[in-house]
Amino acid sequence: MHITEILRKIGQFSDEEIKLFESVITRRSISKNEVILQEGDISQSFYFINSGSFFQFFVKDIDEVIIDLHTGNEWMYNHDSLIGQEPSLTTIKAFTDAEVLELKLVSFHKLVTRSDAFLQFNRVLDQPRNRTYLFDNALSPAEKYSYINQAKPLITKTFPVKMIASYLKIAPETLSRVRGQY
């Protein structure tokens, strides 16, 4: 996706603001299984995923508990760590080879001081509402699956059942039955 399109999904930006944004971002190629945020580190960046997929998790006993799944054409970051500048409770790892645009927090602050238009990034920083909806509304497994198919349809085409089930906080067998109804 072109940078102009990425920014237009967020709001209104002038050509000068788009060039300013381009001057502070970094294109990165990420290899499958590469960690871009380790549990315990403080997040210093947020990322736009041009291609590929990532998962956010923490380890409980010996299991990876999936907190979020990310696919192409979306913004990704650890909300609590980035906003609060506190150690991350999760790890973000590439599920596939990927290409991202990295926007460092310090660069974002510079953008905001140069133009109020970059305050529109609050829309990007409001992403936790998807998880809040999933888990604060006592949805049935079928309703959870239906919701992610609408909100983030690439998840069900990209990740295995076990990871999606962990993300939705349901048993893999339950998810398999739900998927069978679709």
N, C-alpha and C. Protein backbone atom coordinates (compact mmCIF):
# COMPACT_ATOMS: atom_id res chain seq x y z
N MET A 1 0.85 -1.17 0.00
CA MET A 1 0.00 0.00 0.00
C MET A 1 0.90 1.24 0.00
N HIS A 2 0.54 2.21 -0.76
CA HIS A 2 1.30 3.46 -0.87
C HIS A 2 1.09 4.31 0.38
N ILE A 3 2.07 5.08 0.74
CA ILE A 3 2.02 5.89 1.96
C ILE A 3 0.83 6.85 1.96
N THR A 4 0.53 7.42 0.82
CA THR A 4 -0.62 8.32 0.73
C THR A 4 -1.90 7.58 1.13
N GLU A 5 -2.06 6.35 0.63
CA GLU A 5 -3.25 5.56 0.97
C GLU A 5 -3.29 5.23 2.46
N ILE A 6 -2.14 4.89 3.03
CA ILE A 6 -2.07 4.56 4.45
C ILE A 6 -2.54 5.74 5.28
N LEU A 7 -2.03 6.92 4.96
CA LEU A 7 -2.40 8.11 5.73
C LEU A 7 -3.84 8.53 5.48
N ARG A 8 -4.34 8.35 4.27
CA ARG A 8 -5.72 8.74 3.96
C ARG A 8 -6.72 7.87 4.70
N LYS A 9 -6.32 6.65 5.09
CA LYS A 9 -7.20 5.80 5.90
C LYS A 9 -7.32 6.35 7.32
N ILE A 10 -6.37 7.18 7.72
CA ILE A 10 -6.37 7.77 9.06
C ILE A 10 -7.09 9.11 9.07
N GLY A 11 -6.87 9.91 8.01
CA GLY A 11 -7.48 11.24 7.98
C GLY A 11 -6.98 12.06 6.80
N GLN A 12 -7.06 13.36 6.95
CA GLN A 12 -6.67 14.31 5.91
C GLN A 12 -5.24 14.79 6.14
N PHE A 13 -4.39 14.66 5.13
CA PHE A 13 -3.01 15.11 5.21
C PHE A 13 -2.64 15.82 3.92
N SER A 14 -1.92 16.91 4.04
CA SER A 14 -1.45 17.64 2.87
C SER A 14 -0.27 16.90 2.25
N ASP A 15 0.09 17.28 1.03
CA ASP A 15 1.25 16.68 0.38
C ASP A 15 2.51 16.89 1.21
N GLU A 16 2.64 18.07 1.81
CA GLU A 16 3.80 18.36 2.65
C GLU A 16 3.83 17.45 3.88
N GLU A 17 2.68 17.21 4.49
CA GLU A 17 2.62 16.33 5.66
C GLU A 17 2.93 14.88 5.28
N ILE A 18 2.52 14.48 4.11
CA ILE A 18 2.83 13.13 3.63
C ILE A 18 4.33 12.98 3.44
N LYS A 19 4.97 13.98 2.84
CA LYS A 19 6.43 13.95 2.67
C LYS A 19 7.14 13.95 4.02
N LEU A 20 6.62 14.70 4.95
CA LEU A 20 7.20 14.73 6.29
C LEU A 20 7.12 13.35 6.94
N PHE A 21 5.96 12.71 6.80
CA PHE A 21 5.78 11.35 7.33
C PHE A 21 6.78 10.38 6.68
N GLU A 22 6.89 10.46 5.35
CA GLU A 22 7.82 9.59 4.63
C GLU A 22 9.25 9.77 5.11
N SER A 23 9.59 10.98 5.53
CA SER A 23 10.97 11.25 5.94
C SER A 23 11.33 10.63 7.30
N VAL A 24 10.34 10.24 8.10
CA VAL A 24 10.64 9.72 9.44
C VAL A 24 10.37 8.22 9.60
N ILE A 25 9.72 7.61 8.62
CA ILE A 25 9.45 6.18 8.73
C ILE A 25 10.61 5.36 8.18
N THR A 26 10.68 4.13 8.62
CA THR A 26 11.71 3.20 8.16
C THR A 26 11.02 1.96 7.61
N ARG A 27 11.40 1.55 6.41
CA ARG A 27 10.91 0.29 5.84
C ARG A 27 11.79 -0.83 6.38
N ARG A 28 11.15 -1.88 6.89
CA ARG A 28 11.91 -3.01 7.43
C ARG A 28 11.36 -4.31 6.89
N SER A 29 12.27 -5.20 6.55
CA SER A 29 11.91 -6.57 6.22
C SER A 29 12.11 -7.39 7.49
N ILE A 30 11.10 -8.17 7.83
CA ILE A 30 11.12 -8.98 9.05
C ILE A 30 11.02 -10.44 8.63
N SER A 31 11.88 -11.27 9.18
CA SER A 31 11.86 -12.70 8.88
C SER A 31 10.87 -13.44 9.77
N LYS A 32 10.33 -14.53 9.24
CA LYS A 32 9.44 -15.39 10.02
C LYS A 32 10.13 -15.73 11.35
N ASN A 33 9.36 -15.66 12.43
CA ASN A 33 9.80 -15.95 13.81
C ASN A 33 10.67 -14.86 14.43
N GLU A 34 10.93 -13.77 13.71
CA GLU A 34 11.72 -12.67 14.28
C GLU A 34 10.85 -11.93 15.31
N VAL A 35 11.43 -11.62 16.43
CA VAL A 35 10.74 -10.89 17.50
C VAL A 35 11.00 -9.40 17.30
N ILE A 36 9.91 -8.61 17.27
CA ILE A 36 10.11 -7.16 17.16
C ILE A 36 9.85 -6.44 18.48
N LEU A 37 9.24 -7.13 19.42
CA LEU A 37 9.11 -6.60 20.79
C LEU A 37 9.16 -7.79 21.73
N GLN A 38 10.12 -7.78 22.61
CA GLN A 38 10.29 -8.87 23.58
C GLN A 38 9.57 -8.50 24.87
N GLU A 39 8.92 -9.47 25.48
CA GLU A 39 8.31 -9.26 26.79
C GLU A 39 9.37 -8.66 27.73
N GLY A 40 8.99 -7.61 28.43
CA GLY A 40 9.92 -6.94 29.36
C GLY A 40 10.56 -5.70 28.77
N ASP A 41 10.59 -5.59 27.43
CA ASP A 41 11.13 -4.38 26.78
C ASP A 41 10.04 -3.31 26.73
N ILE A 42 10.46 -2.07 26.62
CA ILE A 42 9.52 -0.97 26.48
C ILE A 42 9.37 -0.65 25.00
N SER A 43 8.14 -0.66 24.52
CA SER A 43 7.86 -0.42 23.11
C SER A 43 8.24 1.01 22.74
N GLN A 44 8.99 1.14 21.64
CA GLN A 44 9.43 2.45 21.16
C GLN A 44 8.89 2.77 19.77
N SER A 45 8.08 1.86 19.19
CA SER A 45 7.62 2.04 17.80
C SER A 45 6.24 1.46 17.60
N PHE A 46 5.58 1.98 16.57
CA PHE A 46 4.43 1.26 16.05
C PHE A 46 4.66 1.04 14.57
N TYR A 47 3.94 0.05 14.02
CA TYR A 47 4.26 -0.48 12.71
C TYR A 47 3.01 -0.56 11.84
N PHE A 48 3.20 -0.25 10.56
CA PHE A 48 2.16 -0.53 9.58
C PHE A 48 2.63 -1.77 8.83
N ILE A 49 1.80 -2.79 8.78
CA ILE A 49 2.16 -4.04 8.12
C ILE A 49 1.81 -3.94 6.63
N ASN A 50 2.84 -3.83 5.79
CA ASN A 50 2.62 -3.84 4.34
C ASN A 50 2.27 -5.24 3.86
N SER A 51 3.00 -6.22 4.38
CA SER A 51 2.74 -7.61 4.02
C SER A 51 3.18 -8.49 5.17
N GLY A 52 2.60 -9.67 5.22
CA GLY A 52 2.96 -10.61 6.27
C GLY A 52 1.99 -10.59 7.43
N SER A 53 2.37 -11.32 8.49
CA SER A 53 1.49 -11.42 9.66
C SER A 53 2.32 -11.60 10.92
N PHE A 54 1.72 -11.19 12.05
CA PHE A 54 2.39 -11.21 13.35
C PHE A 54 1.40 -11.69 14.39
N PHE A 55 1.95 -12.16 15.51
CA PHE A 55 1.10 -12.47 16.65
C PHE A 55 1.73 -11.92 17.91
N GLN A 56 0.85 -11.56 18.83
CA GLN A 56 1.26 -10.99 20.11
C GLN A 56 0.83 -11.99 21.18
N PHE A 57 1.77 -12.34 22.08
CA PHE A 57 1.48 -13.40 23.04
C PHE A 57 2.29 -13.22 24.32
N PHE A 58 1.88 -13.97 25.33
CA PHE A 58 2.71 -14.15 26.52
C PHE A 58 2.76 -15.64 26.80
N VAL A 59 3.76 -16.05 27.55
CA VAL A 59 3.92 -17.47 27.86
C VAL A 59 3.37 -17.73 29.25
N LYS A 60 2.47 -18.71 29.33
CA LYS A 60 1.90 -19.14 30.62
C LYS A 60 2.21 -20.63 30.74
N ASP A 61 2.97 -20.98 31.76
CA ASP A 61 3.52 -22.33 31.90
C ASP A 61 4.40 -22.58 30.68
N ILE A 62 3.96 -23.44 29.77
CA ILE A 62 4.74 -23.66 28.55
C ILE A 62 3.96 -23.27 27.30
N ASP A 63 2.75 -22.74 27.47
CA ASP A 63 1.89 -22.39 26.34
C ASP A 63 2.00 -20.92 25.98
N GLU A 64 1.92 -20.65 24.68
CA GLU A 64 1.81 -19.27 24.21
C GLU A 64 0.33 -18.89 24.23
N VAL A 65 -0.01 -17.87 24.99
CA VAL A 65 -1.38 -17.37 25.06
C VAL A 65 -1.45 -16.17 24.11
N ILE A 66 -2.26 -16.32 23.07
CA ILE A 66 -2.34 -15.30 22.02
C ILE A 66 -3.20 -14.13 22.50
N ILE A 67 -2.63 -12.95 22.42
CA ILE A 67 -3.33 -11.73 22.82
C ILE A 67 -3.90 -11.01 21.60
N ASP A 68 -3.16 -11.05 20.49
CA ASP A 68 -3.65 -10.40 19.28
C ASP A 68 -3.01 -11.03 18.06
N LEU A 69 -3.71 -10.96 16.94
CA LEU A 69 -3.25 -11.44 15.65
C LEU A 69 -3.31 -10.28 14.67
N HIS A 70 -2.25 -10.12 13.89
CA HIS A 70 -2.13 -8.97 12.99
C HIS A 70 -1.83 -9.44 11.58
N THR A 71 -2.49 -8.83 10.60
CA THR A 71 -2.27 -9.16 9.20
C THR A 71 -2.00 -7.88 8.41
N GLY A 72 -1.78 -8.04 7.13
CA GLY A 72 -1.41 -6.92 6.27
C GLY A 72 -2.41 -5.77 6.28
N ASN A 73 -1.89 -4.58 5.98
CA ASN A 73 -2.67 -3.35 5.87
C ASN A 73 -3.32 -2.92 7.18
N GLU A 74 -2.62 -3.17 8.27
CA GLU A 74 -3.10 -2.67 9.56
C GLU A 74 -1.92 -2.19 10.40
N TRP A 75 -2.23 -1.36 11.38
CA TRP A 75 -1.24 -0.87 12.32
C TRP A 75 -1.11 -1.86 13.47
N MET A 76 0.10 -2.00 13.98
CA MET A 76 0.36 -2.95 15.06
C MET A 76 1.31 -2.33 16.07
N TYR A 77 1.02 -2.57 17.35
CA TYR A 77 1.88 -2.11 18.44
C TYR A 77 1.37 -2.73 19.72
N ASN A 78 2.16 -2.62 20.79
CA ASN A 78 1.70 -3.05 22.11
C ASN A 78 1.18 -1.80 22.81
N HIS A 79 -0.12 -1.70 22.96
CA HIS A 79 -0.77 -0.49 23.44
C HIS A 79 -0.25 -0.03 24.80
N ASP A 80 -0.30 -0.91 25.81
CA ASP A 80 0.07 -0.50 27.17
C ASP A 80 1.52 -0.07 27.25
N SER A 81 2.40 -0.80 26.58
CA SER A 81 3.83 -0.48 26.64
C SER A 81 4.14 0.81 25.88
N LEU A 82 3.56 0.98 24.69
CA LEU A 82 3.83 2.17 23.89
C LEU A 82 3.27 3.43 24.55
N ILE A 83 2.02 3.38 24.97
CA ILE A 83 1.37 4.56 25.54
C ILE A 83 1.90 4.87 26.93
N GLY A 84 2.06 3.83 27.76
CA GLY A 84 2.50 4.04 29.14
C GLY A 84 4.01 4.04 29.32
N GLN A 85 4.73 3.70 28.25
CA GLN A 85 6.19 3.57 28.32
C GLN A 85 6.60 2.72 29.52
N GLU A 86 5.97 1.54 29.58
CA GLU A 86 6.25 0.57 30.64
C GLU A 86 6.64 -0.75 29.99
N PRO A 87 7.31 -1.63 30.72
CA PRO A 87 7.72 -2.92 30.14
C PRO A 87 6.52 -3.69 29.57
N SER A 88 6.72 -4.25 28.40
CA SER A 88 5.68 -5.02 27.72
C SER A 88 5.43 -6.32 28.47
N LEU A 89 4.17 -6.68 28.58
CA LEU A 89 3.79 -7.96 29.17
C LEU A 89 3.68 -9.04 28.10
N THR A 90 3.85 -8.64 26.83
CA THR A 90 3.73 -9.58 25.72
C THR A 90 4.93 -9.46 24.78
N THR A 91 5.02 -10.43 23.90
CA THR A 91 6.01 -10.46 22.84
C THR A 91 5.27 -10.32 21.51
N ILE A 92 5.86 -9.60 20.57
CA ILE A 92 5.32 -9.54 19.21
C ILE A 92 6.32 -10.24 18.30
N LYS A 93 5.80 -11.24 17.56
CA LYS A 93 6.67 -12.09 16.75
C LYS A 93 6.06 -12.25 15.35
N ALA A 94 6.93 -12.32 14.34
CA ALA A 94 6.47 -12.51 12.96
C ALA A 94 6.00 -13.96 12.78
N PHE A 95 4.80 -14.12 12.27
CA PHE A 95 4.28 -15.44 11.94
C PHE A 95 4.76 -15.87 10.55
N THR A 96 4.95 -14.87 9.68
CA THR A 96 5.45 -15.10 8.32
C THR A 96 6.52 -14.05 8.04
N ASP A 97 7.22 -14.19 6.94
CA ASP A 97 8.08 -13.10 6.49
C ASP A 97 7.17 -11.89 6.27
N ALA A 98 7.70 -10.71 6.55
CA ALA A 98 6.85 -9.52 6.49
C ALA A 98 7.66 -8.29 6.09
N GLU A 99 6.93 -7.29 5.65
CA GLU A 99 7.51 -5.97 5.43
C GLU A 99 6.65 -4.97 6.18
N VAL A 100 7.30 -4.13 6.97
CA VAL A 100 6.58 -3.14 7.77
C VAL A 100 7.17 -1.75 7.55
N LEU A 101 6.36 -0.76 7.87
CA LEU A 101 6.83 0.61 8.00
C LEU A 101 6.89 0.87 9.50
N GLU A 102 8.05 1.24 10.00
CA GLU A 102 8.21 1.50 11.42
C GLU A 102 8.18 3.00 11.67
N LEU A 103 7.36 3.39 12.61
CA LEU A 103 7.29 4.78 13.06
C LEU A 103 7.69 4.80 14.53
N LYS A 104 8.85 5.33 14.79
CA LYS A 104 9.34 5.41 16.17
C LYS A 104 8.53 6.46 16.93
N LEU A 105 8.32 6.22 18.19
CA LEU A 105 7.54 7.13 19.03
C LEU A 105 8.15 8.53 19.05
N VAL A 106 9.46 8.61 19.14
CA VAL A 106 10.13 9.92 19.15
C VAL A 106 9.88 10.66 17.83
N SER A 107 9.86 9.94 16.72
CA SER A 107 9.56 10.56 15.42
C SER A 107 8.10 11.00 15.35
N PHE A 108 7.22 10.18 15.92
CA PHE A 108 5.81 10.56 15.95
C PHE A 108 5.62 11.87 16.72
N HIS A 109 6.30 12.01 17.85
CA HIS A 109 6.19 13.25 18.62
C HIS A 109 6.70 14.44 17.81
N LYS A 110 7.75 14.25 17.03
CA LYS A 110 8.25 15.32 16.16
C LYS A 110 7.21 15.70 15.11
N LEU A 111 6.54 14.68 14.55
CA LEU A 111 5.49 14.95 13.55
C LEU A 111 4.38 15.80 14.15
N VAL A 112 3.97 15.45 15.35
CA VAL A 112 2.87 16.19 16.00
C VAL A 112 3.27 17.64 16.28
N THR A 113 4.54 17.86 16.63
CA THR A 113 4.97 19.25 16.87
C THR A 113 5.03 20.05 15.58
N ARG A 114 5.19 19.36 14.45
CA ARG A 114 5.26 20.05 13.16
C ARG A 114 3.88 20.32 12.56
N SER A 115 2.90 19.43 12.87
CA SER A 115 1.57 19.60 12.31
C SER A 115 0.53 18.90 13.18
N ASP A 116 -0.52 19.65 13.50
CA ASP A 116 -1.63 19.07 14.27
C ASP A 116 -2.35 17.95 13.52
N ALA A 117 -2.18 17.88 12.21
CA ALA A 117 -2.84 16.83 11.42
C ALA A 117 -2.45 15.45 11.93
N PHE A 118 -1.25 15.32 12.49
CA PHE A 118 -0.81 14.01 12.95
C PHE A 118 -1.51 13.58 14.24
N LEU A 119 -2.28 14.47 14.84
CA LEU A 119 -3.10 14.07 15.99
C LEU A 119 -4.19 13.09 15.55
N GLN A 120 -4.44 13.02 14.23
CA GLN A 120 -5.41 12.06 13.71
C GLN A 120 -4.97 10.62 13.96
N PHE A 121 -3.69 10.43 14.32
CA PHE A 121 -3.20 9.09 14.64
C PHE A 121 -3.87 8.54 15.89
N ASN A 122 -4.64 9.35 16.60
CA ASN A 122 -5.41 8.83 17.74
C ASN A 122 -6.31 7.68 17.29
N ARG A 123 -6.73 7.70 16.02
CA ARG A 123 -7.55 6.59 15.49
C ARG A 123 -6.75 5.29 15.49
N VAL A 124 -5.47 5.38 15.18
CA VAL A 124 -4.60 4.20 15.20
C VAL A 124 -4.41 3.73 16.63
N LEU A 125 -4.25 4.68 17.54
CA LEU A 125 -3.97 4.35 18.93
C LEU A 125 -5.20 3.87 19.69
N ASP A 126 -6.35 3.84 19.04
CA ASP A 126 -7.61 3.41 19.67
C ASP A 126 -7.94 1.95 19.34
N GLN A 127 -6.98 1.18 18.87
CA GLN A 127 -7.25 -0.19 18.44
C GLN A 127 -7.72 -1.16 19.52
N PRO A 128 -7.38 -0.97 20.79
CA PRO A 128 -7.82 -1.97 21.78
C PRO A 128 -9.33 -2.17 21.84
N ARG A 129 -10.12 -1.30 21.22
CA ARG A 129 -11.57 -1.48 21.30
C ARG A 129 -12.03 -2.78 20.66
N ASN A 130 -11.31 -3.32 19.65
CA ASN A 130 -11.69 -4.62 19.08
C ASN A 130 -11.63 -5.71 20.15
N ARG A 131 -10.55 -5.76 20.90
CA ARG A 131 -10.42 -6.75 21.97
C ARG A 131 -11.44 -6.50 23.06
N THR A 132 -11.68 -5.24 23.38
CA THR A 132 -12.66 -4.91 24.41
C THR A 132 -14.03 -5.42 24.00
N TYR A 133 -14.41 -5.21 22.75
CA TYR A 133 -15.69 -5.69 22.27
C TYR A 133 -15.78 -7.21 22.39
N LEU A 134 -14.73 -7.90 21.95
CA LEU A 134 -14.74 -9.36 21.97
C LEU A 134 -14.94 -9.92 23.37
N PHE A 135 -14.29 -9.32 24.36
CA PHE A 135 -14.25 -9.94 25.68
C PHE A 135 -15.10 -9.26 26.73
N ASP A 136 -15.67 -8.11 26.44
CA ASP A 136 -16.54 -7.45 27.41
C ASP A 136 -18.02 -7.63 27.11
N ASN A 137 -18.34 -8.36 26.07
CA ASN A 137 -19.74 -8.50 25.68
C ASN A 137 -20.28 -9.92 25.80
N ALA A 138 -19.57 -10.80 26.48
CA ALA A 138 -20.03 -12.18 26.71
C ALA A 138 -20.56 -12.82 25.43
N LEU A 139 -19.78 -12.73 24.37
CA LEU A 139 -20.17 -13.30 23.09
C LEU A 139 -20.01 -14.81 23.10
N SER A 140 -20.87 -15.48 22.38
CA SER A 140 -20.74 -16.93 22.21
C SER A 140 -19.55 -17.19 21.27
N PRO A 141 -19.05 -18.42 21.23
CA PRO A 141 -17.96 -18.72 20.29
C PRO A 141 -18.32 -18.37 18.84
N ALA A 142 -19.54 -18.64 18.43
CA ALA A 142 -19.96 -18.32 17.06
C ALA A 142 -19.96 -16.81 16.83
N GLU A 143 -20.41 -16.05 17.83
CA GLU A 143 -20.42 -14.59 17.70
C GLU A 143 -19.00 -14.02 17.66
N LYS A 144 -18.09 -14.60 18.45
CA LYS A 144 -16.69 -14.17 18.41
C LYS A 144 -16.09 -14.41 17.03
N TYR A 145 -16.32 -15.60 16.51
CA TYR A 145 -15.78 -15.95 15.19
C TYR A 145 -16.38 -15.04 14.11
N SER A 146 -17.66 -14.80 14.19
CA SER A 146 -18.32 -13.92 13.23
C SER A 146 -17.74 -12.50 13.32
N TYR A 147 -17.51 -12.03 14.53
CA TYR A 147 -16.95 -10.68 14.72
C TYR A 147 -15.57 -10.56 14.09
N ILE A 148 -14.68 -11.52 14.34
CA ILE A 148 -13.34 -11.38 13.75
C ILE A 148 -13.38 -11.54 12.24
N ASN A 149 -14.34 -12.32 11.72
CA ASN A 149 -14.47 -12.41 10.26
C ASN A 149 -14.88 -11.08 9.66
N GLN A 150 -15.63 -10.29 10.40
CA GLN A 150 -16.03 -8.97 9.91
C GLN A 150 -14.94 -7.92 10.17
N ALA A 151 -14.38 -7.91 11.37
CA ALA A 151 -13.41 -6.87 11.75
C ALA A 151 -12.03 -7.11 11.14
N LYS A 152 -11.59 -8.36 11.10
CA LYS A 152 -10.25 -8.69 10.60
C LYS A 152 -10.31 -10.00 9.82
N PRO A 153 -10.91 -9.99 8.64
CA PRO A 153 -11.18 -11.24 7.91
C PRO A 153 -9.93 -12.05 7.53
N LEU A 154 -8.78 -11.42 7.40
CA LEU A 154 -7.58 -12.17 7.03
C LEU A 154 -7.09 -13.10 8.13
N ILE A 155 -7.50 -12.85 9.36
CA ILE A 155 -7.06 -13.70 10.47
C ILE A 155 -7.43 -15.16 10.21
N THR A 156 -8.66 -15.39 9.79
CA THR A 156 -9.13 -16.77 9.63
C THR A 156 -8.51 -17.46 8.41
N LYS A 157 -7.93 -16.67 7.51
CA LYS A 157 -7.27 -17.23 6.33
C LYS A 157 -5.77 -17.41 6.55
N THR A 158 -5.22 -16.80 7.60
CA THR A 158 -3.78 -16.74 7.80
C THR A 158 -3.29 -17.66 8.91
N PHE A 159 -4.00 -17.68 10.02
CA PHE A 159 -3.51 -18.36 11.22
C PHE A 159 -4.18 -19.71 11.42
N PRO A 160 -3.47 -20.66 12.04
CA PRO A 160 -4.07 -21.97 12.32
C PRO A 160 -5.14 -21.89 13.41
N VAL A 161 -6.00 -22.89 13.42
CA VAL A 161 -7.12 -22.95 14.36
C VAL A 161 -6.65 -22.77 15.81
N LYS A 162 -5.57 -23.43 16.19
CA LYS A 162 -5.11 -23.37 17.57
C LYS A 162 -4.79 -21.93 18.00
N MET A 163 -4.16 -21.15 17.11
CA MET A 163 -3.83 -19.75 17.44
C MET A 163 -5.09 -18.88 17.50
N ILE A 164 -6.00 -19.09 16.56
CA ILE A 164 -7.24 -18.31 16.56
C ILE A 164 -8.05 -18.64 17.81
N ALA A 165 -8.11 -19.91 18.17
CA ALA A 165 -8.85 -20.32 19.37
C ALA A 165 -8.25 -19.68 20.62
N SER A 166 -6.93 -19.66 20.71
CA SER A 166 -6.27 -19.02 21.85
C SER A 166 -6.63 -17.53 21.91
N TYR A 167 -6.59 -16.88 20.77
CA TYR A 167 -6.95 -15.45 20.68
C TYR A 167 -8.39 -15.21 21.14
N LEU A 168 -9.29 -16.10 20.72
CA LEU A 168 -10.71 -15.94 21.06
C LEU A 168 -11.07 -16.49 22.44
N LYS A 169 -10.10 -17.14 23.09
CA LYS A 169 -10.30 -17.73 24.42
C LYS A 169 -11.37 -18.82 24.40
N ILE A 170 -11.26 -19.67 23.38
CA ILE A 170 -12.15 -20.83 23.29
C ILE A 170 -11.30 -22.06 22.94
N ALA A 171 -11.84 -23.23 23.17
CA ALA A 171 -11.13 -24.48 22.86
C ALA A 171 -11.01 -24.65 21.35
N PRO A 172 -9.89 -25.19 20.87
CA PRO A 172 -9.74 -25.42 19.42
C PRO A 172 -10.86 -26.28 18.84
N GLU A 173 -11.33 -27.28 19.62
CA GLU A 173 -12.42 -28.15 19.15
C GLU A 173 -13.71 -27.34 18.94
N THR A 174 -13.96 -26.40 19.86
CA THR A 174 -15.14 -25.54 19.73
C THR A 174 -15.03 -24.68 18.49
N LEU A 175 -13.85 -24.12 18.27
CA LEU A 175 -13.65 -23.29 17.08
C LEU A 175 -13.83 -24.12 15.81
N SER A 176 -13.33 -25.34 15.80
CA SER A 176 -13.50 -26.20 14.62
C SER A 176 -14.97 -26.44 14.33
N ARG A 177 -15.77 -26.67 15.38
CA ARG A 177 -17.22 -26.86 15.18
C ARG A 177 -17.86 -25.59 14.63
N VAL A 178 -17.48 -24.43 15.19
CA VAL A 178 -18.02 -23.15 14.73
C VAL A 178 -17.67 -22.92 13.25
N ARG A 179 -16.40 -23.17 12.93
CA ARG A 179 -15.96 -22.97 11.53
C ARG A 179 -16.70 -23.89 10.58
N GLY A 180 -17.06 -25.07 11.05
CA GLY A 180 -17.80 -26.02 10.23
C GLY A 180 -19.18 -25.51 9.83
N GLN A 181 -19.73 -24.59 10.62
CA GLN A 181 -21.04 -24.02 10.34
C GLN A 181 -20.99 -22.92 9.28
N TYR A 182 -19.77 -22.44 8.97
CA TYR A 182 -19.62 -21.34 8.00
C TYR A 182 -19.49 -21.87 6.59
